[in-house]
Amino acid sequence: MSLSPSVTRRRLFAGLGVTSTALTLGGIFVAAALAPWFSVFRNALSDLGAAGVATAPVFNGALLLGGALGSGFVVGAWAETENPVHAGGAFALLLAMVFMALVGVFPIPSPLHPVVAVAFFVFATLGVFVWGAGDFVTDADGSRVRGAALVVAAVVHVASWFWWLLYGWGAPGIALPELAGSGMLALWALWVSADLWAGPPDTL
C-alpha cells in the first residue's frame, strides 16, 4: 500500500530529525573517544574541535552537517504544526541549528566561537521551552506529557549552568552543562520525529 504524499513528507522530516541527532551526538562521542586527554570534568566540548586538534574534523564536521540537516528538520516540523506557540519555538530552534553549524565553522580560538556557541545554547533552550509550553495548548493525545518533559529538560539545562557558575567563570567541567543542553535538544528532536513518523497531522 502506497503512502500518501503528506505521510511521505512527514516521514522524510522525521528521518532528518533522527539523522541530524545521530550525526551530531555520534560525532561528539566519537571525537571524545578518540581524545584520551578529554574529560567532561576538565574540558569544554569545543576543545574537541579546536584548531589543530586531531579530533577537530570529526567534531566540527558533525556540528556543521548536523546543524544543516537539523535546520531542514526544524523547517519541516514548523511547516507541519498549526500551533502558533510551536511556531515561535521552531523559529528559535531554527536559529539554534544555524548557530550549531557555525560552531563547527568557527572553532576555538576564533573570536566568533564564544558568540555562536552561546547563541546556540540560548536559542536551543528557549526553543525547547517554548515548544514544550505550546504542548499545553493543544488537544493532541500525549502532548502534555511531551510538553512537561521538554519544559523540565530546559529547566534542568538552565540549572546545570547555574551549577557550573558556582565554580566561577572559566572553571573546568563546562562540558557537563553542554551535554545537558545537547541531551535536551536531542530529546525534542527525537520525540517530535517520532510523532511526525507515526502520528496524524494534529500531533504537532
N, C-alpha and C. Protein backbone atom coordinates (compact mmCIF):
# COMPACT_ATOMS: atom_id res chain seq x y z
N MET A 1 0.85 -1.20 0.00
CA MET A 1 0.00 0.00 0.00
C MET A 1 0.88 1.25 0.00
N SER A 2 0.65 2.13 -0.96
CA SER A 2 1.48 3.33 -1.06
C SER A 2 1.05 4.36 -0.01
N LEU A 3 2.02 5.16 0.41
CA LEU A 3 1.75 6.19 1.40
C LEU A 3 1.29 7.46 0.70
N SER A 4 0.46 8.22 1.39
CA SER A 4 0.01 9.49 0.83
C SER A 4 1.17 10.48 0.82
N PRO A 5 1.09 11.50 -0.03
CA PRO A 5 2.17 12.50 -0.07
C PRO A 5 2.42 13.16 1.28
N SER A 6 1.36 13.41 2.05
CA SER A 6 1.54 14.07 3.34
C SER A 6 2.28 13.18 4.33
N VAL A 7 1.96 11.88 4.33
CA VAL A 7 2.65 10.94 5.22
C VAL A 7 4.10 10.80 4.80
N THR A 8 4.35 10.71 3.50
CA THR A 8 5.72 10.61 2.99
C THR A 8 6.53 11.82 3.39
N ARG A 9 5.92 13.00 3.27
CA ARG A 9 6.62 14.24 3.63
C ARG A 9 6.96 14.26 5.12
N ARG A 10 5.99 13.88 5.95
CA ARG A 10 6.22 13.88 7.40
C ARG A 10 7.31 12.88 7.78
N ARG A 11 7.33 11.75 7.12
CA ARG A 11 8.35 10.75 7.45
C ARG A 11 9.72 11.17 6.96
N LEU A 12 9.77 11.92 5.89
CA LEU A 12 11.04 12.47 5.43
C LEU A 12 11.58 13.45 6.47
N PHE A 13 10.72 14.31 6.97
CA PHE A 13 11.14 15.25 8.01
C PHE A 13 11.60 14.49 9.26
N ALA A 14 10.86 13.44 9.63
CA ALA A 14 11.23 12.64 10.79
C ALA A 14 12.61 12.02 10.61
N GLY A 15 12.87 11.54 9.41
CA GLY A 15 14.18 10.97 9.12
C GLY A 15 15.29 11.99 9.25
N LEU A 16 15.03 13.24 8.86
CA LEU A 16 16.01 14.30 9.01
C LEU A 16 16.30 14.55 10.49
N GLY A 17 15.26 14.50 11.30
CA GLY A 17 15.43 14.74 12.73
C GLY A 17 16.30 13.67 13.38
N VAL A 18 16.02 12.42 13.08
CA VAL A 18 16.79 11.32 13.65
C VAL A 18 18.23 11.35 13.14
N THR A 19 18.38 11.56 11.84
CA THR A 19 19.71 11.56 11.24
C THR A 19 20.57 12.70 11.79
N SER A 20 20.01 13.89 11.88
CA SER A 20 20.79 15.03 12.38
C SER A 20 21.20 14.82 13.83
N THR A 21 20.30 14.24 14.64
CA THR A 21 20.62 13.98 16.04
C THR A 21 21.71 12.92 16.17
N ALA A 22 21.55 11.83 15.43
CA ALA A 22 22.54 10.76 15.49
C ALA A 22 23.90 11.23 15.00
N LEU A 23 23.91 12.02 13.95
CA LEU A 23 25.16 12.52 13.39
C LEU A 23 25.87 13.45 14.37
N THR A 24 25.11 14.35 14.98
CA THR A 24 25.71 15.31 15.89
C THR A 24 26.24 14.63 17.16
N LEU A 25 25.37 13.87 17.83
CA LEU A 25 25.81 13.20 19.06
C LEU A 25 26.87 12.15 18.76
N GLY A 26 26.71 11.44 17.66
CA GLY A 26 27.71 10.45 17.28
C GLY A 26 29.07 11.08 17.07
N GLY A 27 29.10 12.22 16.40
CA GLY A 27 30.36 12.92 16.17
C GLY A 27 31.01 13.36 17.47
N ILE A 28 30.19 13.86 18.40
CA ILE A 28 30.72 14.30 19.69
C ILE A 28 31.33 13.12 20.44
N PHE A 29 30.60 12.00 20.50
CA PHE A 29 31.08 10.86 21.26
C PHE A 29 32.29 10.18 20.60
N VAL A 30 32.30 10.13 19.27
CA VAL A 30 33.45 9.56 18.57
C VAL A 30 34.68 10.43 18.81
N ALA A 31 34.51 11.74 18.70
CA ALA A 31 35.64 12.65 18.94
C ALA A 31 36.17 12.49 20.36
N ALA A 32 35.26 12.38 21.32
CA ALA A 32 35.68 12.21 22.72
C ALA A 32 36.42 10.89 22.91
N ALA A 33 35.95 9.85 22.24
CA ALA A 33 36.60 8.54 22.36
C ALA A 33 37.99 8.55 21.74
N LEU A 34 38.19 9.39 20.75
CA LEU A 34 39.49 9.47 20.07
C LEU A 34 40.46 10.43 20.76
N ALA A 35 40.00 11.07 21.83
CA ALA A 35 40.83 12.05 22.54
C ALA A 35 41.03 11.60 23.99
N PRO A 36 42.08 10.82 24.26
CA PRO A 36 42.29 10.32 25.62
C PRO A 36 42.52 11.42 26.65
N TRP A 37 42.88 12.60 26.19
CA TRP A 37 43.11 13.73 27.10
C TRP A 37 41.82 14.41 27.53
N PHE A 38 40.72 14.12 26.83
CA PHE A 38 39.46 14.83 27.09
C PHE A 38 38.76 14.29 28.32
N SER A 39 38.22 15.21 29.13
CA SER A 39 37.43 14.85 30.31
C SER A 39 36.29 15.83 30.46
N VAL A 40 35.10 15.32 30.71
CA VAL A 40 33.95 16.21 30.92
C VAL A 40 34.11 17.02 32.19
N PHE A 41 35.02 16.62 33.06
CA PHE A 41 35.25 17.33 34.31
C PHE A 41 36.33 18.41 34.20
N ARG A 42 37.03 18.44 33.04
CA ARG A 42 38.12 19.41 32.88
C ARG A 42 38.04 20.21 31.58
N ASN A 43 37.19 19.80 30.67
CA ASN A 43 37.18 20.43 29.34
C ASN A 43 35.79 20.91 28.93
N ALA A 44 35.81 21.72 27.87
CA ALA A 44 34.59 22.06 27.14
C ALA A 44 34.48 21.13 25.94
N LEU A 45 33.26 20.87 25.49
CA LEU A 45 33.11 20.04 24.29
C LEU A 45 33.85 20.64 23.11
N SER A 46 33.86 21.96 23.03
CA SER A 46 34.51 22.62 21.89
C SER A 46 36.01 22.41 21.86
N ASP A 47 36.60 21.98 22.97
CA ASP A 47 38.03 21.66 22.95
C ASP A 47 38.32 20.55 21.94
N LEU A 48 37.31 19.69 21.71
CA LEU A 48 37.47 18.60 20.75
C LEU A 48 37.57 19.11 19.32
N GLY A 49 37.09 20.33 19.08
CA GLY A 49 37.11 20.89 17.74
C GLY A 49 38.08 22.03 17.57
N ALA A 50 38.93 22.28 18.57
CA ALA A 50 39.87 23.39 18.49
C ALA A 50 40.81 23.22 17.30
N ALA A 51 41.17 24.32 16.70
CA ALA A 51 42.06 24.30 15.53
C ALA A 51 43.36 23.58 15.88
N GLY A 52 43.75 22.65 15.04
CA GLY A 52 44.99 21.92 15.24
C GLY A 52 44.85 20.63 16.02
N VAL A 53 43.69 20.40 16.63
CA VAL A 53 43.46 19.17 17.39
C VAL A 53 43.07 18.06 16.42
N ALA A 54 43.55 16.86 16.66
CA ALA A 54 43.32 15.75 15.73
C ALA A 54 41.85 15.43 15.54
N THR A 55 41.05 15.66 16.58
CA THR A 55 39.63 15.32 16.51
C THR A 55 38.78 16.44 15.90
N ALA A 56 39.40 17.57 15.55
CA ALA A 56 38.65 18.72 15.05
C ALA A 56 37.79 18.39 13.82
N PRO A 57 38.32 17.66 12.81
CA PRO A 57 37.47 17.38 11.64
C PRO A 57 36.21 16.57 12.00
N VAL A 58 36.34 15.63 12.92
CA VAL A 58 35.19 14.82 13.31
C VAL A 58 34.17 15.67 14.06
N PHE A 59 34.64 16.40 15.05
CA PHE A 59 33.74 17.20 15.89
C PHE A 59 33.09 18.32 15.09
N ASN A 60 33.89 19.12 14.42
CA ASN A 60 33.35 20.26 13.68
C ASN A 60 32.51 19.82 12.49
N GLY A 61 32.92 18.74 11.84
CA GLY A 61 32.13 18.23 10.73
C GLY A 61 30.76 17.75 11.17
N ALA A 62 30.71 17.11 12.34
CA ALA A 62 29.43 16.63 12.86
C ALA A 62 28.50 17.79 13.19
N LEU A 63 29.05 18.86 13.78
CA LEU A 63 28.22 20.02 14.11
C LEU A 63 27.73 20.72 12.85
N LEU A 64 28.61 20.83 11.86
CA LEU A 64 28.23 21.50 10.63
C LEU A 64 27.14 20.74 9.88
N LEU A 65 27.36 19.45 9.68
CA LEU A 65 26.36 18.65 8.96
C LEU A 65 25.10 18.46 9.79
N GLY A 66 25.26 18.23 11.09
CA GLY A 66 24.10 18.07 11.96
C GLY A 66 23.25 19.32 11.99
N GLY A 67 23.91 20.48 12.02
CA GLY A 67 23.16 21.74 12.01
C GLY A 67 22.43 21.97 10.70
N ALA A 68 23.07 21.59 9.59
CA ALA A 68 22.43 21.76 8.28
C ALA A 68 21.20 20.86 8.15
N LEU A 69 21.36 19.57 8.50
CA LEU A 69 20.22 18.65 8.43
C LEU A 69 19.16 19.02 9.47
N GLY A 70 19.62 19.44 10.65
CA GLY A 70 18.68 19.84 11.69
C GLY A 70 17.86 21.04 11.29
N SER A 71 18.46 21.95 10.53
CA SER A 71 17.70 23.11 10.05
C SER A 71 16.55 22.67 9.15
N GLY A 72 16.84 21.69 8.28
CA GLY A 72 15.77 21.16 7.43
C GLY A 72 14.68 20.49 8.24
N PHE A 73 15.08 19.80 9.29
CA PHE A 73 14.10 19.15 10.16
C PHE A 73 13.21 20.17 10.86
N VAL A 74 13.82 21.22 11.40
CA VAL A 74 13.03 22.24 12.10
C VAL A 74 12.06 22.92 11.15
N VAL A 75 12.51 23.23 9.95
CA VAL A 75 11.63 23.85 8.96
C VAL A 75 10.45 22.92 8.66
N GLY A 76 10.74 21.61 8.56
CA GLY A 76 9.67 20.65 8.31
C GLY A 76 8.68 20.57 9.46
N ALA A 77 9.19 20.51 10.69
CA ALA A 77 8.30 20.47 11.85
C ALA A 77 7.48 21.74 11.95
N TRP A 78 8.08 22.86 11.64
CA TRP A 78 7.40 24.16 11.65
C TRP A 78 6.27 24.16 10.63
N ALA A 79 6.53 23.61 9.46
CA ALA A 79 5.52 23.59 8.41
C ALA A 79 4.35 22.68 8.75
N GLU A 80 4.60 21.66 9.58
CA GLU A 80 3.56 20.68 9.89
C GLU A 80 2.70 21.06 11.08
N THR A 81 3.14 22.04 11.88
CA THR A 81 2.35 22.40 13.05
C THR A 81 1.42 23.57 12.75
N GLU A 82 0.27 23.54 13.38
CA GLU A 82 -0.66 24.66 13.28
C GLU A 82 -0.73 25.41 14.61
N ASN A 83 0.14 25.03 15.53
CA ASN A 83 0.17 25.64 16.86
C ASN A 83 1.06 26.88 16.81
N PRO A 84 0.52 28.08 17.07
CA PRO A 84 1.34 29.30 16.96
C PRO A 84 2.46 29.35 17.99
N VAL A 85 2.27 28.72 19.15
CA VAL A 85 3.33 28.69 20.16
C VAL A 85 4.48 27.81 19.66
N HIS A 86 4.12 26.66 19.08
CA HIS A 86 5.14 25.80 18.49
C HIS A 86 5.90 26.54 17.39
N ALA A 87 5.21 27.35 16.62
CA ALA A 87 5.88 28.11 15.56
C ALA A 87 6.94 29.04 16.14
N GLY A 88 6.61 29.67 17.27
CA GLY A 88 7.59 30.52 17.94
C GLY A 88 8.79 29.72 18.41
N GLY A 89 8.52 28.54 18.97
CA GLY A 89 9.61 27.68 19.40
C GLY A 89 10.45 27.22 18.22
N ALA A 90 9.81 26.91 17.10
CA ALA A 90 10.52 26.46 15.92
C ALA A 90 11.45 27.55 15.37
N PHE A 91 11.01 28.80 15.45
CA PHE A 91 11.87 29.89 14.99
C PHE A 91 13.16 29.94 15.81
N ALA A 92 13.03 29.83 17.13
CA ALA A 92 14.21 29.83 17.99
C ALA A 92 15.08 28.60 17.72
N LEU A 93 14.44 27.46 17.49
CA LEU A 93 15.20 26.23 17.23
C LEU A 93 15.92 26.28 15.88
N LEU A 94 15.32 26.93 14.91
CA LEU A 94 15.99 27.10 13.63
C LEU A 94 17.26 27.93 13.79
N LEU A 95 17.16 29.00 14.57
CA LEU A 95 18.35 29.80 14.86
C LEU A 95 19.40 28.97 15.59
N ALA A 96 18.93 28.12 16.52
CA ALA A 96 19.87 27.26 17.25
C ALA A 96 20.63 26.34 16.30
N MET A 97 19.93 25.76 15.34
CA MET A 97 20.59 24.85 14.40
C MET A 97 21.61 25.59 13.54
N VAL A 98 21.28 26.80 13.14
CA VAL A 98 22.22 27.60 12.35
C VAL A 98 23.47 27.90 13.17
N PHE A 99 23.27 28.29 14.42
CA PHE A 99 24.42 28.60 15.26
C PHE A 99 25.22 27.34 15.61
N MET A 100 24.56 26.20 15.71
CA MET A 100 25.29 24.96 15.95
C MET A 100 26.24 24.68 14.78
N ALA A 101 25.73 24.85 13.58
CA ALA A 101 26.59 24.66 12.41
C ALA A 101 27.75 25.66 12.41
N LEU A 102 27.48 26.88 12.85
CA LEU A 102 28.52 27.90 12.88
C LEU A 102 29.58 27.61 13.94
N VAL A 103 29.22 26.87 14.99
CA VAL A 103 30.22 26.45 15.96
C VAL A 103 31.29 25.60 15.26
N GLY A 104 30.84 24.77 14.32
CA GLY A 104 31.78 23.97 13.55
C GLY A 104 32.59 24.79 12.56
N VAL A 105 32.03 25.90 12.11
CA VAL A 105 32.72 26.77 11.15
C VAL A 105 33.75 27.65 11.85
N PHE A 106 33.44 28.06 13.09
CA PHE A 106 34.32 28.96 13.85
C PHE A 106 34.78 28.27 15.14
N PRO A 107 35.72 27.35 15.02
CA PRO A 107 36.20 26.64 16.20
C PRO A 107 37.11 27.52 17.06
N ILE A 108 37.40 27.05 18.27
CA ILE A 108 38.42 27.69 19.10
C ILE A 108 39.73 27.71 18.31
N PRO A 109 40.46 28.83 18.25
CA PRO A 109 40.37 30.06 19.04
C PRO A 109 39.72 31.22 18.29
N SER A 110 38.85 30.97 17.35
CA SER A 110 38.20 32.05 16.61
C SER A 110 37.47 32.98 17.58
N PRO A 111 37.60 34.29 17.40
CA PRO A 111 36.88 35.22 18.27
C PRO A 111 35.36 35.11 18.15
N LEU A 112 34.88 34.51 17.06
CA LEU A 112 33.44 34.34 16.89
C LEU A 112 32.93 33.09 17.60
N HIS A 113 33.84 32.22 18.02
CA HIS A 113 33.40 30.95 18.62
C HIS A 113 32.52 31.15 19.85
N PRO A 114 32.95 31.94 20.84
CA PRO A 114 32.08 32.10 22.01
C PRO A 114 30.73 32.72 21.69
N VAL A 115 30.70 33.57 20.67
CA VAL A 115 29.44 34.22 20.29
C VAL A 115 28.45 33.20 19.75
N VAL A 116 28.90 32.39 18.79
CA VAL A 116 27.98 31.42 18.17
C VAL A 116 27.66 30.28 19.14
N ALA A 117 28.59 29.92 20.02
CA ALA A 117 28.34 28.84 20.97
C ALA A 117 27.29 29.26 21.99
N VAL A 118 27.43 30.46 22.53
CA VAL A 118 26.44 30.96 23.49
C VAL A 118 25.08 31.11 22.82
N ALA A 119 25.06 31.64 21.60
CA ALA A 119 23.79 31.81 20.88
C ALA A 119 23.12 30.47 20.66
N PHE A 120 23.91 29.44 20.35
CA PHE A 120 23.32 28.11 20.16
C PHE A 120 22.59 27.64 21.41
N PHE A 121 23.24 27.70 22.54
CA PHE A 121 22.62 27.19 23.77
C PHE A 121 21.42 28.05 24.19
N VAL A 122 21.51 29.36 24.00
CA VAL A 122 20.40 30.23 24.37
C VAL A 122 19.17 29.93 23.52
N PHE A 123 19.34 29.88 22.21
CA PHE A 123 18.19 29.66 21.33
C PHE A 123 17.67 28.22 21.43
N ALA A 124 18.55 27.25 21.66
CA ALA A 124 18.09 25.87 21.83
C ALA A 124 17.22 25.74 23.07
N THR A 125 17.67 26.34 24.17
CA THR A 125 16.90 26.27 25.42
C THR A 125 15.57 26.99 25.28
N LEU A 126 15.60 28.19 24.70
CA LEU A 126 14.37 28.96 24.51
C LEU A 126 13.40 28.20 23.61
N GLY A 127 13.92 27.63 22.52
CA GLY A 127 13.05 26.93 21.59
C GLY A 127 12.40 25.70 22.19
N VAL A 128 13.18 24.89 22.91
CA VAL A 128 12.63 23.69 23.52
C VAL A 128 11.60 24.06 24.59
N PHE A 129 11.91 25.08 25.39
CA PHE A 129 10.97 25.50 26.43
C PHE A 129 9.66 26.00 25.82
N VAL A 130 9.75 26.84 24.80
CA VAL A 130 8.54 27.39 24.18
C VAL A 130 7.74 26.29 23.50
N TRP A 131 8.42 25.37 22.80
CA TRP A 131 7.70 24.26 22.17
C TRP A 131 6.98 23.43 23.24
N GLY A 132 7.67 23.15 24.33
CA GLY A 132 7.05 22.40 25.41
C GLY A 132 5.85 23.12 25.99
N ALA A 133 5.96 24.44 26.16
CA ALA A 133 4.83 25.22 26.65
C ALA A 133 3.67 25.15 25.67
N GLY A 134 3.99 25.13 24.37
CA GLY A 134 2.94 25.05 23.37
C GLY A 134 2.16 23.75 23.41
N ASP A 135 2.80 22.69 23.94
CA ASP A 135 2.10 21.41 24.05
C ASP A 135 0.93 21.47 25.03
N PHE A 136 0.91 22.47 25.90
CA PHE A 136 -0.16 22.57 26.88
C PHE A 136 -1.39 23.29 26.32
N VAL A 137 -1.29 23.80 25.08
CA VAL A 137 -2.45 24.49 24.49
C VAL A 137 -2.99 23.73 23.30
N THR A 138 -2.60 22.47 23.16
CA THR A 138 -3.11 21.64 22.08
C THR A 138 -3.89 20.46 22.66
N ASP A 139 -4.78 19.90 21.86
CA ASP A 139 -5.60 18.78 22.31
C ASP A 139 -5.05 17.43 21.86
N ALA A 140 -3.87 17.41 21.25
CA ALA A 140 -3.31 16.16 20.76
C ALA A 140 -3.02 15.21 21.92
N ASP A 141 -3.27 13.92 21.67
CA ASP A 141 -3.02 12.91 22.70
C ASP A 141 -1.55 12.89 23.09
N GLY A 142 -1.28 12.90 24.38
CA GLY A 142 0.08 12.81 24.87
C GLY A 142 0.88 14.10 24.78
N SER A 143 0.26 15.15 24.28
CA SER A 143 1.03 16.39 24.08
C SER A 143 1.48 16.99 25.41
N ARG A 144 0.66 16.86 26.44
CA ARG A 144 1.05 17.45 27.73
C ARG A 144 2.18 16.68 28.38
N VAL A 145 2.24 15.38 28.13
CA VAL A 145 3.37 14.59 28.64
C VAL A 145 4.65 15.06 27.97
N ARG A 146 4.59 15.20 26.65
CA ARG A 146 5.75 15.70 25.92
C ARG A 146 6.12 17.09 26.40
N GLY A 147 5.10 17.94 26.56
CA GLY A 147 5.36 19.31 26.99
C GLY A 147 6.03 19.37 28.35
N ALA A 148 5.55 18.56 29.28
CA ALA A 148 6.15 18.55 30.62
C ALA A 148 7.59 18.09 30.56
N ALA A 149 7.86 17.06 29.76
CA ALA A 149 9.23 16.54 29.64
C ALA A 149 10.16 17.59 29.04
N LEU A 150 9.69 18.31 28.02
CA LEU A 150 10.52 19.31 27.37
C LEU A 150 10.78 20.51 28.28
N VAL A 151 9.76 20.95 28.98
CA VAL A 151 9.94 22.08 29.90
C VAL A 151 10.92 21.70 31.01
N VAL A 152 10.76 20.50 31.56
CA VAL A 152 11.68 20.04 32.61
C VAL A 152 13.10 19.95 32.08
N ALA A 153 13.26 19.43 30.86
CA ALA A 153 14.59 19.31 30.26
C ALA A 153 15.24 20.69 30.10
N ALA A 154 14.46 21.68 29.68
CA ALA A 154 15.00 23.03 29.52
C ALA A 154 15.39 23.62 30.87
N VAL A 155 14.56 23.40 31.87
CA VAL A 155 14.86 23.92 33.22
C VAL A 155 16.11 23.25 33.78
N VAL A 156 16.22 21.94 33.58
CA VAL A 156 17.41 21.21 34.06
C VAL A 156 18.66 21.75 33.37
N HIS A 157 18.55 22.03 32.08
CA HIS A 157 19.71 22.58 31.36
C HIS A 157 20.14 23.92 31.95
N VAL A 158 19.17 24.80 32.18
CA VAL A 158 19.50 26.10 32.78
C VAL A 158 20.10 25.91 34.17
N ALA A 159 19.52 24.99 34.95
CA ALA A 159 20.03 24.73 36.30
C ALA A 159 21.47 24.22 36.26
N SER A 160 21.80 23.43 35.23
CA SER A 160 23.16 22.90 35.13
C SER A 160 24.18 24.01 34.91
N TRP A 161 23.76 25.07 34.21
CA TRP A 161 24.66 26.21 34.02
C TRP A 161 24.85 26.98 35.32
N PHE A 162 23.77 27.14 36.08
CA PHE A 162 23.90 27.79 37.38
C PHE A 162 24.83 26.98 38.28
N TRP A 163 24.72 25.65 38.21
CA TRP A 163 25.61 24.79 38.99
C TRP A 163 27.05 25.05 38.59
N TRP A 164 27.29 25.13 37.29
CA TRP A 164 28.66 25.37 36.82
C TRP A 164 29.15 26.75 37.25
N LEU A 165 28.30 27.76 37.20
CA LEU A 165 28.69 29.12 37.54
C LEU A 165 29.07 29.26 39.01
N LEU A 166 28.61 28.34 39.84
CA LEU A 166 29.00 28.38 41.25
C LEU A 166 30.51 28.24 41.42
N TYR A 167 31.16 27.67 40.41
CA TYR A 167 32.61 27.48 40.45
C TYR A 167 33.35 28.66 39.83
N GLY A 168 32.63 29.64 39.33
CA GLY A 168 33.25 30.82 38.74
C GLY A 168 33.50 30.66 37.25
N TRP A 169 33.57 31.78 36.55
CA TRP A 169 33.83 31.76 35.12
C TRP A 169 35.19 31.14 34.84
N GLY A 170 35.24 30.30 33.82
CA GLY A 170 36.48 29.66 33.44
C GLY A 170 36.77 28.40 34.20
N ALA A 171 35.84 27.98 35.05
CA ALA A 171 36.06 26.76 35.81
C ALA A 171 36.02 25.55 34.88
N PRO A 172 36.70 24.47 35.26
CA PRO A 172 36.69 23.26 34.41
C PRO A 172 35.33 22.58 34.44
N GLY A 173 35.13 21.69 33.52
CA GLY A 173 33.91 20.89 33.51
C GLY A 173 32.74 21.52 32.81
N ILE A 174 32.99 22.50 31.91
CA ILE A 174 31.88 23.13 31.19
C ILE A 174 31.18 22.14 30.26
N ALA A 175 31.85 21.03 29.95
CA ALA A 175 31.23 20.01 29.09
C ALA A 175 29.99 19.42 29.73
N LEU A 176 29.90 19.44 31.04
CA LEU A 176 28.73 18.85 31.71
C LEU A 176 27.44 19.61 31.39
N PRO A 177 27.37 20.93 31.60
CA PRO A 177 26.15 21.64 31.18
C PRO A 177 25.96 21.63 29.66
N GLU A 178 27.05 21.58 28.91
CA GLU A 178 26.91 21.49 27.46
C GLU A 178 26.25 20.17 27.06
N LEU A 179 26.62 19.09 27.72
CA LEU A 179 25.99 17.80 27.44
C LEU A 179 24.52 17.81 27.85
N ALA A 180 24.21 18.51 28.95
CA ALA A 180 22.81 18.62 29.35
C ALA A 180 22.00 19.34 28.28
N GLY A 181 22.59 20.37 27.69
CA GLY A 181 21.91 21.08 26.61
C GLY A 181 21.77 20.23 25.37
N SER A 182 22.80 19.47 25.06
CA SER A 182 22.73 18.58 23.89
C SER A 182 21.65 17.52 24.08
N GLY A 183 21.57 16.98 25.30
CA GLY A 183 20.53 15.99 25.60
C GLY A 183 19.14 16.57 25.51
N MET A 184 18.99 17.81 25.98
CA MET A 184 17.70 18.50 25.89
C MET A 184 17.25 18.64 24.44
N LEU A 185 18.16 19.08 23.59
CA LEU A 185 17.82 19.27 22.17
C LEU A 185 17.53 17.94 21.49
N ALA A 186 18.30 16.92 21.85
CA ALA A 186 18.08 15.59 21.27
C ALA A 186 16.72 15.04 21.68
N LEU A 187 16.33 15.28 22.93
CA LEU A 187 15.01 14.82 23.39
C LEU A 187 13.91 15.43 22.55
N TRP A 188 13.99 16.74 22.31
CA TRP A 188 12.98 17.40 21.48
C TRP A 188 12.97 16.82 20.07
N ALA A 189 14.14 16.73 19.46
CA ALA A 189 14.22 16.30 18.06
C ALA A 189 13.70 14.88 17.88
N LEU A 190 14.09 13.97 18.77
CA LEU A 190 13.67 12.57 18.62
C LEU A 190 12.19 12.39 18.93
N TRP A 191 11.69 13.12 19.91
CA TRP A 191 10.26 12.99 20.26
C TRP A 191 9.39 13.54 19.14
N VAL A 192 9.75 14.69 18.63
CA VAL A 192 8.98 15.28 17.53
C VAL A 192 9.11 14.42 16.27
N SER A 193 10.29 13.85 16.05
CA SER A 193 10.47 12.96 14.90
C SER A 193 9.55 11.75 15.00
N ALA A 194 9.46 11.18 16.20
CA ALA A 194 8.58 10.02 16.39
C ALA A 194 7.13 10.39 16.14
N ASP A 195 6.72 11.56 16.60
CA ASP A 195 5.34 11.99 16.38
C ASP A 195 5.07 12.29 14.91
N LEU A 196 6.07 12.84 14.23
CA LEU A 196 5.91 13.08 12.79
C LEU A 196 5.77 11.77 12.02
N TRP A 197 6.55 10.77 12.42
CA TRP A 197 6.55 9.49 11.71
C TRP A 197 5.23 8.75 11.88
N ALA A 198 4.72 8.72 13.10
CA ALA A 198 3.61 7.83 13.40
C ALA A 198 2.25 8.51 13.51
N GLY A 199 2.27 9.80 13.77
CA GLY A 199 1.01 10.42 14.15
C GLY A 199 0.26 11.10 13.04
N PRO A 200 -1.01 11.40 13.28
CA PRO A 200 -1.83 12.19 12.35
C PRO A 200 -1.36 13.63 12.35
N PRO A 201 -1.83 14.44 11.41
CA PRO A 201 -1.36 15.82 11.30
C PRO A 201 -1.52 16.67 12.55
N ASP A 202 -2.46 16.34 13.43
CA ASP A 202 -2.68 17.20 14.59
C ASP A 202 -1.77 16.86 15.77
N THR A 203 -0.81 15.93 15.60
CA THR A 203 0.06 15.57 16.72
C THR A 203 1.08 16.64 17.05
N LEU A 204 1.32 17.57 16.13
CA LEU A 204 2.25 18.64 16.44
C LEU A 204 1.53 19.90 16.86
